Each structure stands twice: as C-alpha cells, then as structure tokens.
Amino acid sequence: MNISLIRDYGRCNLNSEKLFDLHGKTVVITGGAGYLGSAMSEALAAYGADLFILGHNLEKNKEKADTLKTCFGLPICESYPFDISDTDQIRNTFARIEEKTGRIDVLINNAYYLNAVKPFEDYTADEWNQGMEGTLNGTVKVTQEAIRYMLRQKSGNIINIASMYGMVSPNMSIYADSGENSPANYGIGKAGIIQLTKYLACVYGEKGIRSNAISPGPFPNKEVQRMEWFIRNLQEKVPMKRIGDPEDLKGAIIFLASDASRYVNGQNIAVDGGWTAW
C-alpha cells in the first residue's frame, strides 16, 4: 500500500466548514449596518465570528448586531459608535475591543462618506479634502490603529472595500444629465485604498499581517434603483447584464476573512459582474 498516496488523499479531503470557519476570530467591520455592510456582517456572523459592527449611527448598528447575535447564537456581536475621521474615538474603540476579546484578527474597512457631487473644476480645497478624508484618509486612520494590535500579536488580516471606480474611470454617459455623476474624489480615494492595500501587504506580510481589497462594481442602493433609466444604463454596461446584489459580496468577504485565503496577499478582487473586464 502506498502510504504517501494515502497521506496525499487525506490532504485532499478538506473540511470545507473548517476552511471557512471564523469561530474564535475577532472581526471588526466599519459601516457594517449599511447597504453593502449588512450583507457582509450577516455572512461573517453566519460563519461564527466574534463580530464588532462599527458605525456613526449607534441605534442602527446596535439593532443589526443584536439581531445577528440572536439569529446565529453568537457569544459576541456588539456595536460601538464610530467615526472614521475621529482619531481619538478610533483609538478608544479598538482598546475596548481588545479588552473584550484580547485580539484584533480581521479588520474590514467598509465605511466611507462623501460631501459634494460637482464637476471636478468646481471643487473648493475644503470640499476636495473632505471627500478624501471620507475615503482614503479615514481608511488610513482606522488601519493605523488596528495594525498596532496586529503587530503585537504577530498576525492580522486587513480587508479594504475599494471600488471599481478605483480601477477605472466612471463612464459618464450612464449618468446622462442627472447631475448624479460619481465624484472625482471618490474614485481617486478608492484608487488610493487599492494602493494602500498593496503597500500594507508588502511591508507587513513578513510580520504575519496580510492585506487585500474587494472592489464592488455597480451596487446601487434601493433609493437609486427607483431611477429605472439609470439602472438600465448600468445593466447595459455589465457583461452579466444585471446590477450587483449585496448577497454577491458574501462569498468574497468570507474567503478573504478566513483561512481559505491564508496565502492571498496584496490582491484586489473585483466583484463587478465583469465591468472592469471590458
């Protein structure tokens, strides 16, 4: 009997539940009760994470956390008020989480905010900087604090939610004359997040910390979906001929958060129905 073949076969008999299991992992997600964040939080809870849902609307985030804790029987699923522009609050929140669980295993940077939608040439310096604060700079501030804990424990996993508009320029024709064009500082901020992801992967990979990004494609929220003409324009641009559903992000977030992706580092996964493949 070929013993080595038996060993190889045993390695091939993967326990898929264990491969994607998040039990015992402290997972922090910002903006975890929003349109896309809710679906990601649901997936993380379903796989057993000790989950912390952070956001500026405490009531909304606490309701989400309480619902998931009950639904999935989680020992820990909590929410704290959180502003990605407030360094002191960021620092204090991570201290509370570390005191609760002793670890920060996974950080998911999903929260962002914007201030103005206008032609590029019309932005004031303050408006431009505020948009960058709500995308790139906020992600930097949160990551700087979380990574201190990851360095101490010599392990960690950072997942940044970027955007297809961090990869390609907006196609302005889909917006027609609505005035709802994607603002320049949004895409530029998201492009910076993709580059930040690669920087972190290369600088901190040897320290046991990996970093990856997800770039969602066209995921208009329910309010935007009321504009039927706009949705038709979006669908026409997608090779799969449909807009994204928040459920479409669940597989990618569980893959990156779990040990299934333990050798994946510095990557940007586009979940866009093929938009950026044109």
C-alpha atoms as a PDB file:
ATOM      1  CA  MET A   1       0.000   0.000   0.000  1.00  0.00           C
ATOM      2  CA  ASN A   2       1.330   3.439  -0.982  1.00  0.00           C
ATOM      3  CA  ILE A   3       1.371   5.347   2.326  1.00  0.00           C
ATOM      4  CA  SER A   4       2.366   8.650   0.705  1.00  0.00           C
ATOM      5  CA  LEU A   5      -0.642   8.404  -1.618  1.00  0.00           C
ATOM      6  CA  ILE A   6      -2.910   7.909   1.377  1.00  0.00           C
ATOM      7  CA  ARG A   7      -1.403  10.960   3.027  1.00  0.00           C
ATOM      8  CA  ASP A   8      -1.975  12.998  -0.130  1.00  0.00           C
ATOM      9  CA  TYR A   9      -5.551  11.799  -0.304  1.00  0.00           C
ATOM     10  CA  GLY A  10      -6.073  12.848   3.289  1.00  0.00           C
ATOM     11  CA  ARG A  11      -4.885  16.325   2.479  1.00  0.00           C
ATOM     12  CA  CYS A  12      -7.322  16.475  -0.406  1.00  0.00           C
ATOM     13  CA  ASN A  13     -10.211  15.581   1.877  1.00  0.00           C
ATOM     14  CA  LEU A  14     -10.671  19.174   3.007  1.00  0.00           C
ATOM     15  CA  ASN A  15     -13.188  20.030   5.675  1.00  0.00           C
ATOM     16  CA  SER A  16     -14.849  22.976   3.946  1.00  0.00           C
ATOM     17  CA  GLU A  17     -16.585  24.120   7.115  1.00  0.00           C
ATOM     18  CA  LYS A  18     -13.264  24.358   8.944  1.00  0.00           C
ATOM     19  CA  LEU A  19     -11.596  26.057   5.974  1.00  0.00           C
ATOM     20  CA  PHE A  20     -14.017  28.991   6.114  1.00  0.00           C
ATOM     21  CA  ASP A  21     -14.679  28.866   9.862  1.00  0.00           C
ATOM     22  CA  LEU A  22     -14.443  32.183  11.731  1.00  0.00           C
ATOM     23  CA  HIS A  23     -15.144  30.933  15.258  1.00  0.00           C
ATOM     24  CA  GLY A  24     -12.684  32.456  17.710  1.00  0.00           C
ATOM     25  CA  LYS A  25     -11.692  35.244  15.320  1.00  0.00           C
ATOM     26  CA  THR A  26     -12.287  38.848  16.344  1.00  0.00           C
ATOM     27  CA  VAL A  27     -13.631  40.578  13.245  1.00  0.00           C
ATOM     28  CA  VAL A  28     -14.176  44.340  13.092  1.00  0.00           C
ATOM     29  CA  ILE A  29     -16.215  45.841  10.254  1.00  0.00           C
ATOM     30  CA  THR A  30     -16.811  49.561   9.796  1.00  0.00           C
ATOM     31  CA  GLY A  31     -20.073  50.597   8.190  1.00  0.00           C
ATOM     32  CA  GLY A  32     -21.328  47.109   8.955  1.00  0.00           C
ATOM     33  CA  ALA A  33     -25.015  48.012   9.031  1.00  0.00           C
ATOM     34  CA  GLY A  34     -25.107  49.850   5.713  1.00  0.00           C
ATOM     35  CA  TYR A  35     -26.420  48.662   2.367  1.00  0.00           C
ATOM     36  CA  LEU A  36     -23.393  46.511   1.499  1.00  0.00           C
ATOM     37  CA  GLY A  37     -22.055  46.233   5.032  1.00  0.00           C
ATOM     38  CA  SER A  38     -25.198  44.477   6.263  1.00  0.00           C
ATOM     39  CA  ALA A  39     -24.738  41.579   3.856  1.00  0.00           C
ATOM     40  CA  MET A  40     -21.080  41.228   4.800  1.00  0.00           C
ATOM     41  CA  SER A  41     -21.925  41.330   8.520  1.00  0.00           C
ATOM     42  CA  GLU A  42     -24.548  38.614   8.018  1.00  0.00           C
ATOM     43  CA  ALA A  43     -22.007  36.361   6.317  1.00  0.00           C
ATOM     44  CA  LEU A  44     -19.378  36.942   8.994  1.00  0.00           C
ATOM     45  CA  ALA A  45     -21.909  36.156  11.712  1.00  0.00           C
ATOM     46  CA  ALA A  46     -23.076  33.014   9.918  1.00  0.00           C
ATOM     47  CA  TYR A  47     -19.523  31.677   9.993  1.00  0.00           C
ATOM     48  CA  GLY A  48     -19.177  32.325  13.712  1.00  0.00           C
ATOM     49  CA  ALA A  49     -17.025  35.442  14.032  1.00  0.00           C
ATOM     50  CA  ASP A  50     -16.758  37.424  17.237  1.00  0.00           C
ATOM     51  CA  LEU A  51     -18.152  40.426  15.435  1.00  0.00           C
ATOM     52  CA  PHE A  52     -17.941  44.153  16.093  1.00  0.00           C
ATOM     53  CA  ILE A  53     -20.120  46.321  13.851  1.00  0.00           C
ATOM     54  CA  LEU A  54     -18.936  49.920  13.927  1.00  0.00           C
ATOM     55  CA  GLY A  55     -20.661  52.993  12.544  1.00  0.00           C
ATOM     56  CA  HIS A  56     -21.798  56.527  13.254  1.00  0.00           C
ATOM     57  CA  ASN A  57     -25.461  55.518  13.739  1.00  0.00           C
ATOM     58  CA  LEU A  58     -25.298  53.578  17.005  1.00  0.00           C
ATOM     59  CA  GLU A  59     -29.012  52.691  17.078  1.00  0.00           C
ATOM     60  CA  LYS A  60     -28.917  51.218  13.571  1.00  0.00           C
ATOM     61  CA  ASN A  61     -25.693  49.326  14.175  1.00  0.00           C
ATOM     62  CA  LYS A  62     -26.778  48.023  17.573  1.00  0.00           C
ATOM     63  CA  GLU A  63     -30.036  46.732  16.105  1.00  0.00           C
ATOM     64  CA  LYS A  64     -28.043  44.874  13.444  1.00  0.00           C
ATOM     65  CA  ALA A  65     -25.629  43.442  15.984  1.00  0.00           C
ATOM     66  CA  ASP A  66     -28.399  42.315  18.348  1.00  0.00           C
ATOM     67  CA  THR A  67     -30.317  40.672  15.505  1.00  0.00           C
ATOM     68  CA  LEU A  68     -27.278  38.741  14.275  1.00  0.00           C
ATOM     69  CA  LYS A  69     -26.277  37.707  17.791  1.00  0.00           C
ATOM     70  CA  THR A  70     -29.710  36.189  18.385  1.00  0.00           C
ATOM     71  CA  CYS A  71     -30.076  34.689  14.928  1.00  0.00           C
ATOM     72  CA  PHE A  72     -26.725  32.885  14.932  1.00  0.00           C
ATOM     73  CA  GLY A  73     -26.302  32.352  18.660  1.00  0.00           C
ATOM     74  CA  LEU A  74     -23.059  34.316  18.780  1.00  0.00           C
ATOM     75  CA  PRO A  75     -21.237  34.790  22.093  1.00  0.00           C
ATOM     76  CA  ILE A  76     -20.042  38.217  20.946  1.00  0.00           C
ATOM     77  CA  CYS A  77     -21.716  40.538  18.456  1.00  0.00           C
ATOM     78  CA  GLU A  78     -21.574  44.175  19.503  1.00  0.00           C
ATOM     79  CA  SER A  79     -21.689  47.678  18.123  1.00  0.00           C
ATOM     80  CA  TYR A  80     -19.938  50.856  19.161  1.00  0.00           C
ATOM     81  CA  PRO A  81     -20.316  54.419  17.850  1.00  0.00           C
ATOM     82  CA  PHE A  82     -17.553  55.069  15.362  1.00  0.00           C
ATOM     83  CA  ASP A  83     -16.400  57.924  13.181  1.00  0.00           C
ATOM     84  CA  ILE A  84     -13.571  57.164  10.746  1.00  0.00           C
ATOM     85  CA  SER A  85     -12.438  60.789  10.950  1.00  0.00           C
ATOM     86  CA  ASP A  86     -12.144  60.849  14.761  1.00  0.00           C
ATOM     87  CA  THR A  87      -8.722  59.539  15.764  1.00  0.00           C
ATOM     88  CA  ASP A  88      -9.460  59.535  19.497  1.00  0.00           C
ATOM     89  CA  GLN A  89     -12.683  57.595  19.050  1.00  0.00           C
ATOM     90  CA  ILE A  90     -10.946  55.098  16.758  1.00  0.00           C
ATOM     91  CA  ARG A  91      -8.205  54.545  19.347  1.00  0.00           C
ATOM     92  CA  ASN A  92     -10.651  54.175  22.236  1.00  0.00           C
ATOM     93  CA  THR A  93     -12.879  51.777  20.312  1.00  0.00           C
ATOM     94  CA  PHE A  94     -10.057  49.405  19.428  1.00  0.00           C
ATOM     95  CA  ALA A  95      -8.915  49.481  23.051  1.00  0.00           C
ATOM     96  CA  ARG A  96     -12.423  48.402  24.118  1.00  0.00           C
ATOM     97  CA  ILE A  97     -12.480  45.590  21.564  1.00  0.00           C
ATOM     98  CA  GLU A  98      -9.042  44.330  22.564  1.00  0.00           C
ATOM     99  CA  GLU A  99     -10.066  44.415  26.222  1.00  0.00           C
ATOM    100  CA  LYS A 100     -13.160  42.361  25.360  1.00  0.00           C
ATOM    101  CA  THR A 101     -11.534  39.641  23.223  1.00  0.00           C
ATOM    102  CA  GLY A 102      -7.785  40.087  23.619  1.00  0.00           C
ATOM    103  CA  ARG A 103      -7.278  40.238  19.847  1.00  0.00           C
ATOM    104  CA  ILE A 104      -7.950  42.074  16.593  1.00  0.00           C
ATOM    105  CA  ASP A 105      -7.813  39.339  13.944  1.00  0.00           C
ATOM    106  CA  VAL A 106      -9.628  40.863  10.975  1.00  0.00           C
ATOM    107  CA  LEU A 107     -10.299  44.494  10.080  1.00  0.00           C
ATOM    108  CA  ILE A 108     -12.756  45.268   7.281  1.00  0.00           C
ATOM    109  CA  ASN A 109     -12.600  48.906   6.182  1.00  0.00           C
ATOM    110  CA  ASN A 110     -16.012  49.418   4.623  1.00  0.00           C
ATOM    111  CA  ALA A 111     -17.193  52.819   5.927  1.00  0.00           C
ATOM    112  CA  TYR A 112     -16.804  55.951   3.838  1.00  0.00           C
ATOM    113  CA  TYR A 113     -18.543  59.272   3.338  1.00  0.00           C
ATOM    114  CA  LEU A 114     -18.722  61.956   0.653  1.00  0.00           C
ATOM    115  CA  ASN A 115     -19.725  65.577   0.761  1.00  0.00           C
ATOM    116  CA  ALA A 116     -20.245  67.050  -2.702  1.00  0.00           C
ATOM    117  CA  VAL A 117     -21.081  65.895  -6.204  1.00  0.00           C
ATOM    118  CA  LYS A 118     -19.977  68.535  -8.684  1.00  0.00           C
ATOM    119  CA  PRO A 119     -17.675  68.996 -11.677  1.00  0.00           C
ATOM    120  CA  PHE A 120     -14.008  68.461 -10.891  1.00  0.00           C
ATOM    121  CA  GLU A 121     -13.058  72.059 -11.631  1.00  0.00           C
ATOM    122  CA  ASP A 122     -15.641  73.427  -9.193  1.00  0.00           C
ATOM    123  CA  TYR A 123     -14.411  71.761  -6.001  1.00  0.00           C
ATOM    124  CA  THR A 124     -13.079  74.024  -3.304  1.00  0.00           C
ATOM    125  CA  ALA A 125      -9.991  72.815  -1.460  1.00  0.00           C
ATOM    126  CA  ASP A 126     -12.092  72.076   1.623  1.00  0.00           C
ATOM    127  CA  GLU A 127     -14.667  70.075  -0.354  1.00  0.00           C
ATOM    128  CA  TRP A 128     -11.949  68.072  -2.073  1.00  0.00           C
ATOM    129  CA  ASN A 129     -10.144  67.320   1.170  1.00  0.00           C
ATOM    130  CA  GLN A 130     -13.338  66.290   2.915  1.00  0.00           C
ATOM    131  CA  GLY A 131     -14.033  63.730   0.195  1.00  0.00           C
ATOM    132  CA  MET A 132     -10.527  62.326   0.556  1.00  0.00           C
ATOM    133  CA  GLU A 133     -10.988  62.290   4.325  1.00  0.00           C
ATOM    134  CA  GLY A 134     -14.112  60.172   3.897  1.00  0.00           C
ATOM    135  CA  THR A 135     -12.416  57.604   1.664  1.00  0.00           C
ATOM    136  CA  LEU A 136      -8.646  57.194   1.764  1.00  0.00           C
ATOM    137  CA  ASN A 137      -7.742  59.153   4.889  1.00  0.00           C
ATOM    138  CA  GLY A 138     -10.423  57.535   7.036  1.00  0.00           C
ATOM    139  CA  THR A 139      -9.254  54.083   5.985  1.00  0.00           C
ATOM    140  CA  VAL A 140      -5.673  55.041   6.818  1.00  0.00           C
ATOM    141  CA  LYS A 141      -6.620  56.263  10.301  1.00  0.00           C
ATOM    142  CA  VAL A 142      -8.563  53.117  11.172  1.00  0.00           C
ATOM    143  CA  THR A 143      -5.866  50.824   9.793  1.00  0.00           C
ATOM    144  CA  GLN A 144      -3.064  52.605  11.626  1.00  0.00           C
ATOM    145  CA  GLU A 145      -4.745  51.917  14.939  1.00  0.00           C
ATOM    146  CA  ALA A 146      -5.750  48.318  14.210  1.00  0.00           C
ATOM    147  CA  ILE A 147      -2.338  47.368  12.885  1.00  0.00           C
ATOM    148  CA  ARG A 148      -0.695  48.237  16.208  1.00  0.00           C
ATOM    149  CA  TYR A 149      -2.591  45.346  17.806  1.00  0.00           C
ATOM    150  CA  MET A 150      -1.830  43.037  14.886  1.00  0.00           C
ATOM    151  CA  LEU A 151       1.892  43.776  15.190  1.00  0.00           C
ATOM    152  CA  ARG A 152       1.852  42.895  18.883  1.00  0.00           C
ATOM    153  CA  GLN A 153       0.079  39.594  18.256  1.00  0.00           C
ATOM    154  CA  LYS A 154       2.206  38.948  15.107  1.00  0.00           C
ATOM    155  CA  SER A 155      -0.830  38.196  12.967  1.00  0.00           C
ATOM    156  CA  GLY A 156      -3.682  40.015  11.304  1.00  0.00           C
ATOM    157  CA  ASN A 157      -5.854  40.358   8.257  1.00  0.00           C
ATOM    158  CA  ILE A 158      -6.887  43.656   6.655  1.00  0.00           C
ATOM    159  CA  ILE A 159      -9.657  43.792   4.052  1.00  0.00           C
ATOM    160  CA  ASN A 160     -10.289  47.126   2.371  1.00  0.00           C
ATOM    161  CA  ILE A 161     -13.503  47.762   0.467  1.00  0.00           C
ATOM    162  CA  ALA A 162     -12.465  49.783  -2.565  1.00  0.00           C
ATOM    163  CA  SER A 163     -14.493  50.213  -5.777  1.00  0.00           C
ATOM    164  CA  MET A 164     -14.468  49.521  -9.488  1.00  0.00           C
ATOM    165  CA  TYR A 165     -14.050  53.298  -9.764  1.00  0.00           C
ATOM    166  CA  GLY A 166     -10.712  52.888  -8.065  1.00  0.00           C
ATOM    167  CA  MET A 167      -9.748  50.712 -11.035  1.00  0.00           C
ATOM    168  CA  VAL A 168     -11.366  52.500 -13.970  1.00  0.00           C
ATOM    169  CA  SER A 169     -12.785  55.941 -14.600  1.00  0.00           C
ATOM    170  CA  PRO A 170     -16.555  56.461 -14.346  1.00  0.00           C
ATOM    171  CA  ASN A 171     -18.369  56.176 -17.648  1.00  0.00           C
ATOM    172  CA  MET A 172     -20.180  59.499 -17.539  1.00  0.00           C
ATOM    173  CA  SER A 173     -22.600  58.547 -20.300  1.00  0.00           C
ATOM    174  CA  ILE A 174     -24.551  56.314 -17.906  1.00  0.00           C
ATOM    175  CA  TYR A 175     -25.468  59.344 -15.759  1.00  0.00           C
ATOM    176  CA  ALA A 176     -26.867  61.382 -18.670  1.00  0.00           C
ATOM    177  CA  ASP A 177     -27.728  64.894 -17.451  1.00  0.00           C
ATOM    178  CA  SER A 178     -28.916  63.797 -13.990  1.00  0.00           C
ATOM    179  CA  GLY A 179     -26.189  65.633 -12.101  1.00  0.00           C
ATOM    180  CA  GLU A 180     -25.549  62.451 -10.095  1.00  0.00           C
ATOM    181  CA  ASN A 181     -22.132  61.738 -11.585  1.00  0.00           C
ATOM    182  CA  SER A 182     -19.651  59.838  -9.457  1.00  0.00           C
ATOM    183  CA  PRO A 183     -17.479  62.474  -7.762  1.00  0.00           C
ATOM    184  CA  ALA A 184     -13.812  62.601  -8.698  1.00  0.00           C
ATOM    185  CA  ASN A 185     -12.535  62.404  -5.138  1.00  0.00           C
ATOM    186  CA  TYR A 186     -14.479  59.171  -4.573  1.00  0.00           C
ATOM    187  CA  GLY A 187     -12.710  57.231  -7.320  1.00  0.00           C
ATOM    188  CA  ILE A 188      -9.347  58.796  -6.563  1.00  0.00           C
ATOM    189  CA  GLY A 189      -9.760  57.977  -2.877  1.00  0.00           C
ATOM    190  CA  LYS A 190     -10.683  54.375  -3.697  1.00  0.00           C
ATOM    191  CA  ALA A 191      -7.702  54.051  -6.045  1.00  0.00           C
ATOM    192  CA  GLY A 192      -5.553  55.183  -3.144  1.00  0.00           C
ATOM    193  CA  ILE A 193      -7.114  52.469  -0.987  1.00  0.00           C
ATOM    194  CA  ILE A 194      -6.111  49.821  -3.536  1.00  0.00           C
ATOM    195  CA  GLN A 195      -2.540  51.120  -3.484  1.00  0.00           C
ATOM    196  CA  LEU A 196      -2.620  51.250   0.325  1.00  0.00           C
ATOM    197  CA  THR A 197      -3.668  47.595   0.278  1.00  0.00           C
ATOM    198  CA  LYS A 198      -0.618  46.642  -1.770  1.00  0.00           C
ATOM    199  CA  TYR A 199       1.700  48.719   0.396  1.00  0.00           C
ATOM    200  CA  LEU A 200       0.453  47.072   3.580  1.00  0.00           C
ATOM    201  CA  ALA A 201       0.734  43.616   2.009  1.00  0.00           C
ATOM    202  CA  CYS A 202       4.363  44.126   1.063  1.00  0.00           C
ATOM    203  CA  VAL A 203       5.552  45.939   4.181  1.00  0.00           C
ATOM    204  CA  TYR A 204       3.720  43.892   6.809  1.00  0.00           C
ATOM    205  CA  GLY A 205       3.399  40.478   5.148  1.00  0.00           C
ATOM    206  CA  GLU A 206       6.585  39.227   6.781  1.00  0.00           C
ATOM    207  CA  LYS A 207       5.160  40.290  10.137  1.00  0.00           C
ATOM    208  CA  GLY A 208       2.188  37.937   9.767  1.00  0.00           C
ATOM    209  CA  ILE A 209      -0.242  40.572   8.538  1.00  0.00           C
ATOM    210  CA  ARG A 210      -1.853  40.257   5.139  1.00  0.00           C
ATOM    211  CA  SER A 211      -3.911  42.814   3.278  1.00  0.00           C
ATOM    212  CA  ASN A 212      -6.364  42.500   0.399  1.00  0.00           C
ATOM    213  CA  ALA A 213      -9.133  44.541  -1.172  1.00  0.00           C
ATOM    214  CA  ILE A 214     -12.559  43.971  -2.670  1.00  0.00           C
ATOM    215  CA  SER A 215     -13.739  46.332  -5.400  1.00  0.00           C
ATOM    216  CA  PRO A 216     -17.526  46.177  -5.731  1.00  0.00           C
ATOM    217  CA  GLY A 217     -18.982  47.124  -9.091  1.00  0.00           C
ATOM    218  CA  PRO A 218     -22.429  48.595  -9.692  1.00  0.00           C
ATOM    219  CA  PHE A 219     -24.322  48.091  -6.423  1.00  0.00           C
ATOM    220  CA  PRO A 220     -26.832  50.971  -6.400  1.00  0.00           C
ATOM    221  CA  ASN A 221     -28.866  51.163  -3.215  1.00  0.00           C
ATOM    222  CA  LYS A 222     -32.649  50.813  -3.099  1.00  0.00           C
ATOM    223  CA  GLU A 223     -33.263  54.530  -3.437  1.00  0.00           C
ATOM    224  CA  VAL A 224     -31.114  54.779  -6.561  1.00  0.00           C
ATOM    225  CA  GLN A 225     -32.808  51.695  -8.000  1.00  0.00           C
ATOM    226  CA  ARG A 226     -36.004  53.713  -8.320  1.00  0.00           C
ATOM    227  CA  MET A 227     -34.379  55.515 -11.265  1.00  0.00           C
ATOM    228  CA  GLU A 228     -35.210  52.847 -13.822  1.00  0.00           C
ATOM    229  CA  TRP A 229     -33.445  54.618 -16.694  1.00  0.00           C
ATOM    230  CA  PHE A 230     -30.230  54.692 -14.695  1.00  0.00           C
ATOM    231  CA  ILE A 231     -30.434  51.005 -13.797  1.00  0.00           C
ATOM    232  CA  ARG A 232     -30.938  50.159 -17.463  1.00  0.00           C
ATOM    233  CA  ASN A 233     -27.797  52.124 -18.298  1.00  0.00           C
ATOM    234  CA  LEU A 234     -25.838  50.303 -15.612  1.00  0.00           C
ATOM    235  CA  GLN A 235     -27.030  46.883 -16.700  1.00  0.00           C
ATOM    236  CA  GLU A 236     -26.096  47.568 -20.303  1.00  0.00           C
ATOM    237  CA  LYS A 237     -22.506  48.247 -19.225  1.00  0.00           C
ATOM    238  CA  VAL A 238     -22.189  45.000 -17.230  1.00  0.00           C
ATOM    239  CA  PRO A 239     -21.280  41.837 -19.186  1.00  0.00           C
ATOM    240  CA  MET A 240     -23.655  39.861 -16.947  1.00  0.00           C
ATOM    241  CA  LYS A 241     -26.427  42.396 -17.742  1.00  0.00           C
ATOM    242  CA  ARG A 242     -27.528  42.909 -14.157  1.00  0.00           C
ATOM    243  CA  ILE A 243     -26.612  45.125 -11.226  1.00  0.00           C
ATOM    244  CA  GLY A 244     -25.000  43.690  -8.119  1.00  0.00           C
ATOM    245  CA  ASP A 245     -26.952  42.429  -5.143  1.00  0.00           C
ATOM    246  CA  PRO A 246     -25.352  42.783  -1.686  1.00  0.00           C
ATOM    247  CA  GLU A 247     -25.577  38.997  -1.406  1.00  0.00           C
ATOM    248  CA  ASP A 248     -22.967  38.816  -4.172  1.00  0.00           C
ATOM    249  CA  LEU A 249     -20.312  40.082  -1.744  1.00  0.00           C
ATOM    250  CA  LYS A 250     -20.759  37.378   0.878  1.00  0.00           C
ATOM    251  CA  GLY A 251     -18.519  34.770  -0.749  1.00  0.00           C
ATOM    252  CA  ALA A 252     -15.649  37.174  -1.313  1.00  0.00           C
ATOM    253  CA  ILE A 253     -15.689  38.534   2.231  1.00  0.00           C
ATOM    254  CA  ILE A 254     -15.757  35.078   3.835  1.00  0.00           C
ATOM    255  CA  PHE A 255     -12.974  33.874   1.548  1.00  0.00           C
ATOM    256  CA  LEU A 256     -10.701  36.781   2.467  1.00  0.00           C
ATOM    257  CA  ALA A 257     -11.603  36.813   6.179  1.00  0.00           C
ATOM    258  CA  SER A 258     -10.986  33.096   6.651  1.00  0.00           C
ATOM    259  CA  ASP A 259      -8.002  30.760   6.396  1.00  0.00           C
ATOM    260  CA  ALA A 260      -9.221  29.756   2.939  1.00  0.00           C
ATOM    261  CA  SER A 261      -7.207  32.742   1.680  1.00  0.00           C
ATOM    262  CA  ARG A 262      -4.239  32.405   4.035  1.00  0.00           C
ATOM    263  CA  TYR A 263      -1.703  32.753   1.168  1.00  0.00           C
ATOM    264  CA  VAL A 264      -3.586  35.520  -0.623  1.00  0.00           C
ATOM    265  CA  ASN A 265      -1.912  38.864  -0.045  1.00  0.00           C
ATOM    266  CA  GLY A 266      -1.872  42.214  -1.834  1.00  0.00           C
ATOM    267  CA  GLN A 267      -4.764  41.379  -4.150  1.00  0.00           C
ATOM    268  CA  ASN A 268      -7.791  43.352  -5.295  1.00  0.00           C
ATOM    269  CA  ILE A 269     -10.818  41.203  -6.104  1.00  0.00           C
ATOM    270  CA  ALA A 270     -13.300  42.917  -8.402  1.00  0.00           C
ATOM    271  CA  VAL A 271     -16.877  41.820  -7.686  1.00  0.00           C
ATOM    272  CA  ASP A 272     -18.382  43.721 -10.577  1.00  0.00           C
ATOM    273  CA  GLY A 273     -20.132  41.343 -12.948  1.00  0.00           C
ATOM    274  CA  GLY A 274     -17.275  41.901 -15.391  1.00  0.00           C
ATOM    275  CA  TRP A 275     -17.497  45.716 -15.585  1.00  0.00           C
ATOM    276  CA  THR A 276     -13.724  46.216 -15.411  1.00  0.00           C
ATOM    277  CA  ALA A 277     -13.052  43.417 -17.908  1.00  0.00           C
ATOM    278  CA  TRP A 278     -14.210  45.466 -20.906  1.00  0.00           C
END
